[in-house]
Amino acid sequence: MTYPTVVREAARVVAIEAARAYVANIRPIDVTNSGVLVRHLMAAETLLMDIVAAHTEPTEGAAA
């Protein structure tokens, strides 16, 4: 499925800003607490997957 370029650009900005907001709100992490570390890694992975998806989905006018 292709999306209008404006929609794709908006999705890219939203994905990148979500990652920036997440990083900005990270407080000092207790590195001895494996549960906290795992949650941060899973959240970071999800945000990165969103960024990749926003940049790889085709836009109008893109070659198929």
Protein backbone atom coordinates (compact mmCIF):
# COMPACT_ATOMS: atom_id res chain seq x y z
CA MET A 1 0.00 0.00 0.00
CA THR A 2 1.26 3.46 -0.81
CA TYR A 3 0.60 6.51 1.30
CA PRO A 4 0.50 10.17 0.33
CA THR A 5 3.90 11.77 0.80
CA VAL A 6 2.53 14.20 3.39
CA VAL A 7 1.20 11.33 5.50
CA ARG A 8 4.51 9.45 5.32
CA GLU A 9 6.48 12.56 6.29
CA ALA A 10 4.16 13.11 9.24
CA ALA A 11 4.61 9.47 10.32
CA ARG A 12 8.38 9.89 10.13
CA VAL A 13 8.32 13.01 12.28
CA VAL A 14 6.01 11.37 14.82
CA ALA A 15 8.22 8.27 15.07
CA ILE A 16 11.41 10.27 15.51
CA GLU A 17 9.85 12.64 18.04
CA ALA A 18 8.51 9.69 20.05
CA ALA A 19 12.04 8.29 20.26
CA ARG A 20 13.45 11.69 21.25
CA ALA A 21 10.81 12.13 23.95
CA TYR A 22 11.49 8.66 25.33
CA VAL A 23 15.23 9.30 25.55
CA ALA A 24 14.71 12.75 27.08
CA ASN A 25 12.60 11.24 29.87
CA ILE A 26 15.00 8.46 30.84
CA ARG A 27 16.23 8.92 34.36
CA PRO A 28 19.36 7.29 35.79
CA ILE A 29 18.94 3.55 35.35
CA ASP A 30 19.73 1.04 38.07
CA VAL A 31 21.97 -1.25 36.06
CA THR A 32 21.65 -3.98 38.70
CA ASN A 33 17.90 -4.30 38.00
CA SER A 34 17.60 -6.56 34.97
CA GLY A 35 13.83 -5.97 34.66
CA VAL A 36 14.31 -2.25 34.17
CA LEU A 37 17.07 -2.82 31.64
CA VAL A 38 14.93 -5.25 29.66
CA ARG A 39 11.99 -2.81 29.60
CA HIS A 40 14.23 -0.01 28.32
CA LEU A 41 15.70 -2.26 25.63
CA MET A 42 12.27 -3.46 24.52
CA ALA A 43 10.94 0.10 24.37
CA ALA A 44 13.97 1.24 22.39
CA GLU A 45 13.59 -1.66 19.97
CA THR A 46 9.92 -0.84 19.41
CA LEU A 47 10.70 2.82 18.77
CA LEU A 48 13.45 1.90 16.32
CA MET A 49 11.13 -0.50 14.47
CA ASP A 50 8.57 2.33 14.17
CA ILE A 51 11.24 4.62 12.72
CA VAL A 52 12.34 1.98 10.21
CA ALA A 53 8.73 1.28 9.17
CA ALA A 54 8.06 4.99 8.68
CA HIS A 55 11.06 5.27 6.38
CA THR A 56 10.58 2.10 4.36
CA GLU A 57 6.88 2.19 3.47
CA PRO A 58 6.38 3.51 -0.06
CA THR A 59 4.92 6.90 -0.81
CA GLU A 60 2.95 8.13 -3.81
CA GLY A 61 5.07 8.34 -6.89
CA ALA A 62 7.70 5.94 -5.55
CA ALA A 63 8.74 3.08 -7.78
CA ALA A 64 7.13 -0.21 -6.75
